[in-house]
Amino acid sequence: MKVGQDAPNHGCVIASKQLAWIPPRILDAIQGQAARTVADTYGEVTLKTKAAEIAKLSIYSLDGPNDS
């Protein structure tokens, strides 16, 4: 992969880490990222916890001004 040709979703991953108010450990679990510290490997982030954090995110319309 050349510079500037990252997978399209990589930008979304980086943006979500910068903009989301989700605790880092939970965000990493949602995105399937590796634990940052040894302490993060203890226990697990449940599906219920992940869903609760995702539900807090704002939903934006992707329709353009001329779309119905």
PDB file of N, CA and C in Angstrom:
ATOM      1  N   MET A   1       0.849  -1.166   0.000  1.00  0.00           N
ATOM      2  CA  MET A   1       0.000   0.000   0.000  1.00  0.00           C
ATOM      3  C   MET A   1       0.900   1.236   0.000  1.00  0.00           C
ATOM      4  N   LYS A   2       0.624   2.177  -0.866  1.00  0.00           N
ATOM      5  CA  LYS A   2       1.415   3.389  -0.955  1.00  0.00           C
ATOM      6  C   LYS A   2       0.874   4.453  -0.009  1.00  0.00           C
ATOM      7  N   VAL A   3       1.731   5.424   0.297  1.00  0.00           N
ATOM      8  CA  VAL A   3       1.300   6.534   1.144  1.00  0.00           C
ATOM      9  C   VAL A   3       0.141   7.241   0.478  1.00  0.00           C
ATOM     10  N   GLY A   4      -0.891   7.557   1.261  1.00  0.00           N
ATOM     11  CA  GLY A   4      -2.056   8.236   0.717  1.00  0.00           C
ATOM     12  C   GLY A   4      -3.098   7.289   0.142  1.00  0.00           C
ATOM     13  N   GLN A   5      -2.815   5.983   0.178  1.00  0.00           N
ATOM     14  CA  GLN A   5      -3.766   5.015  -0.355  1.00  0.00           C
ATOM     15  C   GLN A   5      -4.229   4.061   0.750  1.00  0.00           C
ATOM     16  N   ASP A   6      -4.407   4.577   1.958  1.00  0.00           N
ATOM     17  CA  ASP A   6      -4.897   3.755   3.057  1.00  0.00           C
ATOM     18  C   ASP A   6      -6.296   3.250   2.733  1.00  0.00           C
ATOM     19  N   ALA A   7      -6.655   2.163   3.384  1.00  0.00           N
ATOM     20  CA  ALA A   7      -8.014   1.647   3.223  1.00  0.00           C
ATOM     21  C   ALA A   7      -8.996   2.756   3.608  1.00  0.00           C
ATOM     22  N   PRO A   8     -10.106   2.886   2.902  1.00  0.00           N
ATOM     23  CA  PRO A   8     -11.045   3.982   3.157  1.00  0.00           C
ATOM     24  C   PRO A   8     -11.544   4.048   4.598  1.00  0.00           C
ATOM     25  N   ASN A   9     -11.735   2.916   5.235  1.00  0.00           N
ATOM     26  CA  ASN A   9     -12.266   2.921   6.592  1.00  0.00           C
ATOM     27  C   ASN A   9     -11.234   3.328   7.634  1.00  0.00           C
ATOM     28  N   HIS A  10      -9.963   3.352   7.260  1.00  0.00           N
ATOM     29  CA  HIS A  10      -8.927   3.733   8.219  1.00  0.00           C
ATOM     30  C   HIS A  10      -9.148   5.160   8.714  1.00  0.00           C
ATOM     31  N   GLY A  11      -9.553   6.052   7.839  1.00  0.00           N
ATOM     32  CA  GLY A  11      -9.836   7.430   8.235  1.00  0.00           C
ATOM     33  C   GLY A  11     -10.975   7.505   9.233  1.00  0.00           C
ATOM     34  N   CYS A  12     -11.962   6.641   9.060  1.00  0.00           N
ATOM     35  CA  CYS A  12     -13.096   6.604  10.002  1.00  0.00           C
ATOM     36  C   CYS A  12     -12.638   6.136  11.371  1.00  0.00           C
ATOM     37  N   VAL A  13     -11.723   5.180  11.398  1.00  0.00           N
ATOM     38  CA  VAL A  13     -11.206   4.685  12.677  1.00  0.00           C
ATOM     39  C   VAL A  13     -10.484   5.804  13.404  1.00  0.00           C
ATOM     40  N   ILE A  14      -9.614   6.522  12.702  1.00  0.00           N
ATOM     41  CA  ILE A  14      -8.853   7.609  13.318  1.00  0.00           C
ATOM     42  C   ILE A  14      -9.799   8.721  13.771  1.00  0.00           C
ATOM     43  N   ALA A  15     -10.746   9.106  12.935  1.00  0.00           N
ATOM     44  CA  ALA A  15     -11.681  10.175  13.291  1.00  0.00           C
ATOM     45  C   ALA A  15     -12.505   9.797  14.510  1.00  0.00           C
ATOM     46  N   SER A  16     -12.944   8.554  14.573  1.00  0.00           N
ATOM     47  CA  SER A  16     -13.769   8.151  15.710  1.00  0.00           C
ATOM     48  C   SER A  16     -12.971   8.172  16.999  1.00  0.00           C
ATOM     49  N   LYS A  17     -11.690   7.877  16.932  1.00  0.00           N
ATOM     50  CA  LYS A  17     -10.854   7.925  18.134  1.00  0.00           C
ATOM     51  C   LYS A  17     -10.661   9.365  18.600  1.00  0.00           C
ATOM     52  N   GLN A  18     -10.688  10.306  17.682  1.00  0.00           N
ATOM     53  CA  GLN A  18     -10.483  11.704  18.040  1.00  0.00           C
ATOM     54  C   GLN A  18     -11.772  12.400  18.444  1.00  0.00           C
ATOM     55  N   LEU A  19     -12.907  11.978  17.900  1.00  0.00           N
ATOM     56  CA  LEU A  19     -14.156  12.690  18.113  1.00  0.00           C
ATOM     57  C   LEU A  19     -15.095  12.021  19.109  1.00  0.00           C
ATOM     58  N   ALA A  20     -14.999  10.729  19.255  1.00  0.00           N
ATOM     59  CA  ALA A  20     -15.944  10.013  20.118  1.00  0.00           C
ATOM     60  C   ALA A  20     -15.623  10.254  21.587  1.00  0.00           C
ATOM     61  N   TRP A  21     -16.679  10.305  22.384  1.00  0.00           N
ATOM     62  CA  TRP A  21     -16.511  10.440  23.831  1.00  0.00           C
ATOM     63  C   TRP A  21     -16.651   9.081  24.492  1.00  0.00           C
ATOM     64  N   ILE A  22     -16.257   8.052  23.758  1.00  0.00           N
ATOM     65  CA  ILE A  22     -16.308   6.687  24.269  1.00  0.00           C
ATOM     66  C   ILE A  22     -14.972   6.393  24.946  1.00  0.00           C
ATOM     67  N   PRO A  23     -14.986   5.784  26.129  1.00  0.00           N
ATOM     68  CA  PRO A  23     -13.725   5.445  26.798  1.00  0.00           C
ATOM     69  C   PRO A  23     -12.826   4.619  25.867  1.00  0.00           C
ATOM     70  N   PRO A  24     -11.526   4.900  25.862  1.00  0.00           N
ATOM     71  CA  PRO A  24     -10.610   4.243  24.920  1.00  0.00           C
ATOM     72  C   PRO A  24     -10.681   2.716  24.921  1.00  0.00           C
ATOM     73  N   ARG A  25     -10.798   2.105  26.084  1.00  0.00           N
ATOM     74  CA  ARG A  25     -10.838   0.638  26.135  1.00  0.00           C
ATOM     75  C   ARG A  25     -12.075   0.101  25.419  1.00  0.00           C
ATOM     76  N   ILE A  26     -13.208   0.764  25.602  1.00  0.00           N
ATOM     77  CA  ILE A  26     -14.445   0.316  24.956  1.00  0.00           C
ATOM     78  C   ILE A  26     -14.379   0.578  23.459  1.00  0.00           C
ATOM     79  N   LEU A  27     -13.849   1.727  23.065  1.00  0.00           N
ATOM     80  CA  LEU A  27     -13.720   2.047  21.641  1.00  0.00           C
ATOM     81  C   LEU A  27     -12.802   1.045  20.945  1.00  0.00           C
ATOM     82  N   ASP A  28     -11.691   0.697  21.584  1.00  0.00           N
ATOM     83  CA  ASP A  28     -10.795  -0.312  21.009  1.00  0.00           C
ATOM     84  C   ASP A  28     -11.517  -1.645  20.835  1.00  0.00           C
ATOM     85  N   ALA A  29     -12.329  -2.025  21.820  1.00  0.00           N
ATOM     86  CA  ALA A  29     -13.073  -3.288  21.731  1.00  0.00           C
ATOM     87  C   ALA A  29     -14.089  -3.253  20.597  1.00  0.00           C
ATOM     88  N   ILE A  30     -14.770  -2.131  20.423  1.00  0.00           N
ATOM     89  CA  ILE A  30     -15.745  -1.988  19.338  1.00  0.00           C
ATOM     90  C   ILE A  30     -15.056  -2.129  17.986  1.00  0.00           C
ATOM     91  N   GLN A  31     -13.879  -1.533  17.862  1.00  0.00           N
ATOM     92  CA  GLN A  31     -13.163  -1.528  16.587  1.00  0.00           C
ATOM     93  C   GLN A  31     -12.278  -2.748  16.390  1.00  0.00           C
ATOM     94  N   GLY A  32     -12.199  -3.611  17.400  1.00  0.00           N
ATOM     95  CA  GLY A  32     -11.371  -4.813  17.269  1.00  0.00           C
ATOM     96  C   GLY A  32      -9.886  -4.538  17.392  1.00  0.00           C
ATOM     97  N   GLN A  33      -9.536  -3.437  18.037  1.00  0.00           N
ATOM     98  CA  GLN A  33      -8.129  -3.081  18.221  1.00  0.00           C
ATOM     99  C   GLN A  33      -7.531  -3.857  19.398  1.00  0.00           C
ATOM    100  N   ALA A  34      -6.245  -4.017  19.384  1.00  0.00           N
ATOM    101  CA  ALA A  34      -5.541  -4.703  20.474  1.00  0.00           C
ATOM    102  C   ALA A  34      -5.568  -3.841  21.734  1.00  0.00           C
ATOM    103  N   ALA A  35      -5.446  -4.498  22.877  1.00  0.00           N
ATOM    104  CA  ALA A  35      -5.398  -3.785  24.153  1.00  0.00           C
ATOM    105  C   ALA A  35      -4.180  -2.870  24.171  1.00  0.00           C
ATOM    106  N   ARG A  36      -4.333  -1.713  24.783  1.00  0.00           N
ATOM    107  CA  ARG A  36      -3.230  -0.744  24.863  1.00  0.00           C
ATOM    108  C   ARG A  36      -2.273  -1.078  25.992  1.00  0.00           C
ATOM    109  N   THR A  37      -2.812  -1.615  27.078  1.00  0.00           N
ATOM    110  CA  THR A  37      -1.989  -1.925  28.249  1.00  0.00           C
ATOM    111  C   THR A  37      -2.311  -3.329  28.732  1.00  0.00           C
ATOM    112  N   VAL A  38      -1.458  -3.866  29.574  1.00  0.00           N
ATOM    113  CA  VAL A  38      -1.710  -5.183  30.159  1.00  0.00           C
ATOM    114  C   VAL A  38      -2.998  -5.142  30.972  1.00  0.00           C
ATOM    115  N   ALA A  39      -3.241  -4.043  31.660  1.00  0.00           N
ATOM    116  CA  ALA A  39      -4.453  -3.911  32.468  1.00  0.00           C
ATOM    117  C   ALA A  39      -5.712  -4.042  31.609  1.00  0.00           C
ATOM    118  N   ASP A  40      -5.654  -3.592  30.359  1.00  0.00           N
ATOM    119  CA  ASP A  40      -6.810  -3.668  29.470  1.00  0.00           C
ATOM    120  C   ASP A  40      -7.158  -5.104  29.069  1.00  0.00           C
ATOM    121  N   THR A  41      -6.237  -6.039  29.306  1.00  0.00           N
ATOM    122  CA  THR A  41      -6.496  -7.423  28.925  1.00  0.00           C
ATOM    123  C   THR A  41      -7.298  -8.170  29.983  1.00  0.00           C
ATOM    124  N   TYR A  42      -7.474  -7.576  31.155  1.00  0.00           N
ATOM    125  CA  TYR A  42      -8.239  -8.219  32.215  1.00  0.00           C
ATOM    126  C   TYR A  42      -9.722  -7.940  32.023  1.00  0.00           C
ATOM    127  N   GLY A  43     -10.531  -8.976  32.177  1.00  0.00           N
ATOM    128  CA  GLY A  43     -11.962  -8.810  31.983  1.00  0.00           C
ATOM    129  C   GLY A  43     -12.282  -8.668  30.509  1.00  0.00           C
ATOM    130  N   GLU A  44     -13.510  -8.316  30.225  1.00  0.00           N
ATOM    131  CA  GLU A  44     -13.907  -8.125  28.834  1.00  0.00           C
ATOM    132  C   GLU A  44     -14.924  -6.993  28.742  1.00  0.00           C
ATOM    133  N   VAL A  45     -15.007  -6.423  27.566  1.00  0.00           N
ATOM    134  CA  VAL A  45     -16.025  -5.412  27.299  1.00  0.00           C
ATOM    135  C   VAL A  45     -17.196  -6.172  26.683  1.00  0.00           C
ATOM    136  N   THR A  46     -18.320  -6.173  27.360  1.00  0.00           N
ATOM    137  CA  THR A  46     -19.465  -6.952  26.895  1.00  0.00           C
ATOM    138  C   THR A  46     -20.140  -6.312  25.693  1.00  0.00           C
ATOM    139  N   LEU A  47     -20.904  -7.112  24.987  1.00  0.00           N
ATOM    140  CA  LEU A  47     -21.664  -6.614  23.846  1.00  0.00           C
ATOM    141  C   LEU A  47     -22.668  -5.559  24.303  1.00  0.00           C
ATOM    142  N   LYS A  48     -23.246  -5.756  25.478  1.00  0.00           N
ATOM    143  CA  LYS A  48     -24.203  -4.791  26.024  1.00  0.00           C
ATOM    144  C   LYS A  48     -23.535  -3.432  26.241  1.00  0.00           C
ATOM    145  N   THR A  49     -22.298  -3.442  26.751  1.00  0.00           N
ATOM    146  CA  THR A  49     -21.546  -2.199  26.975  1.00  0.00           C
ATOM    147  C   THR A  49     -21.223  -1.521  25.649  1.00  0.00           C
ATOM    148  N   LYS A  50     -20.787  -2.301  24.668  1.00  0.00           N
ATOM    149  CA  LYS A  50     -20.471  -1.737  23.351  1.00  0.00           C
ATOM    150  C   LYS A  50     -21.715  -1.096  22.730  1.00  0.00           C
ATOM    151  N   ALA A  51     -22.840  -1.816  22.792  1.00  0.00           N
ATOM    152  CA  ALA A  51     -24.087  -1.309  22.212  1.00  0.00           C
ATOM    153  C   ALA A  51     -24.544  -0.025  22.899  1.00  0.00           C
ATOM    154  N   ALA A  52     -24.389   0.040  24.212  1.00  0.00           N
ATOM    155  CA  ALA A  52     -24.793   1.236  24.959  1.00  0.00           C
ATOM    156  C   ALA A  52     -23.971   2.450  24.530  1.00  0.00           C
ATOM    157  N   GLU A  53     -22.686   2.261  24.311  1.00  0.00           N
ATOM    158  CA  GLU A  53     -21.824   3.372  23.883  1.00  0.00           C
ATOM    159  C   GLU A  53     -22.134   3.785  22.449  1.00  0.00           C
ATOM    160  N   ILE A  54     -22.368   2.823  21.574  1.00  0.00           N
ATOM    161  CA  ILE A  54     -22.711   3.138  20.180  1.00  0.00           C
ATOM    162  C   ILE A  54     -24.023   3.909  20.118  1.00  0.00           C
ATOM    163  N   ALA A  55     -24.975   3.536  20.970  1.00  0.00           N
ATOM    164  CA  ALA A  55     -26.282   4.195  20.989  1.00  0.00           C
ATOM    165  C   ALA A  55     -26.177   5.668  21.375  1.00  0.00           C
ATOM    166  N   LYS A  56     -25.117   6.057  22.062  1.00  0.00           N
ATOM    167  CA  LYS A  56     -24.923   7.454  22.468  1.00  0.00           C
ATOM    168  C   LYS A  56     -24.456   8.347  21.322  1.00  0.00           C
ATOM    169  N   LEU A  57     -23.953   7.744  20.245  1.00  0.00           N
ATOM    170  CA  LEU A  57     -23.418   8.521  19.130  1.00  0.00           C
ATOM    171  C   LEU A  57     -24.537   9.221  18.365  1.00  0.00           C
ATOM    172  N   SER A  58     -24.217  10.373  17.819  1.00  0.00           N
ATOM    173  CA  SER A  58     -25.178  11.128  16.997  1.00  0.00           C
ATOM    174  C   SER A  58     -25.341  10.432  15.658  1.00  0.00           C
ATOM    175  N   ILE A  59     -26.513  10.565  15.094  1.00  0.00           N
ATOM    176  CA  ILE A  59     -26.779  10.004  13.772  1.00  0.00           C
ATOM    177  C   ILE A  59     -26.890  11.167  12.799  1.00  0.00           C
ATOM    178  N   TYR A  60     -26.119  11.086  11.728  1.00  0.00           N
ATOM    179  CA  TYR A  60     -26.111  12.149  10.730  1.00  0.00           C
ATOM    180  C   TYR A  60     -26.737  11.642   9.441  1.00  0.00           C
ATOM    181  N   SER A  61     -27.468  12.504   8.776  1.00  0.00           N
ATOM    182  CA  SER A  61     -28.048  12.168   7.491  1.00  0.00           C
ATOM    183  C   SER A  61     -26.969  12.271   6.416  1.00  0.00           C
ATOM    184  N   LEU A  62     -26.942  11.289   5.535  1.00  0.00           N
ATOM    185  CA  LEU A  62     -25.978  11.302   4.442  1.00  0.00           C
ATOM    186  C   LEU A  62     -26.629  11.747   3.129  1.00  0.00           C
ATOM    187  N   ASP A  63     -27.904  12.134   3.221  1.00  0.00           N
ATOM    188  CA  ASP A  63     -28.610  12.617   2.032  1.00  0.00           C
ATOM    189  C   ASP A  63     -28.105  13.987   1.648  1.00  0.00           C
ATOM    190  N   GLY A  64     -27.963  14.201   0.369  1.00  0.00           N
ATOM    191  CA  GLY A  64     -27.569  15.501  -0.129  1.00  0.00           C
ATOM    192  C   GLY A  64     -28.782  16.433  -0.161  1.00  0.00           C
ATOM    193  N   PRO A  65     -28.573  17.709  -0.495  1.00  0.00           N
ATOM    194  CA  PRO A  65     -29.681  18.673  -0.503  1.00  0.00           C
ATOM    195  C   PRO A  65     -30.764  18.337  -1.530  1.00  0.00           C
ATOM    196  N   ASN A  66     -30.427  17.599  -2.578  1.00  0.00           N
ATOM    197  CA  ASN A  66     -31.408  17.269  -3.615  1.00  0.00           C
ATOM    198  C   ASN A  66     -31.934  15.864  -3.505  1.00  0.00           C
ATOM    199  N   ASP A  67     -31.513  15.114  -2.482  1.00  0.00           N
ATOM    200  CA  ASP A  67     -31.982  13.741  -2.299  1.00  0.00           C
ATOM    201  C   ASP A  67     -33.313  13.750  -1.546  1.00  0.00           C
ATOM    202  N   SER A  68     -34.133  12.729  -1.830  1.00  0.00           N
ATOM    203  CA  SER A  68     -35.393  12.667  -1.105  1.00  0.00           C
ATOM    204  C   SER A  68     -35.307  11.761   0.094  1.00  0.00           C
TER     205      SER A  68
END
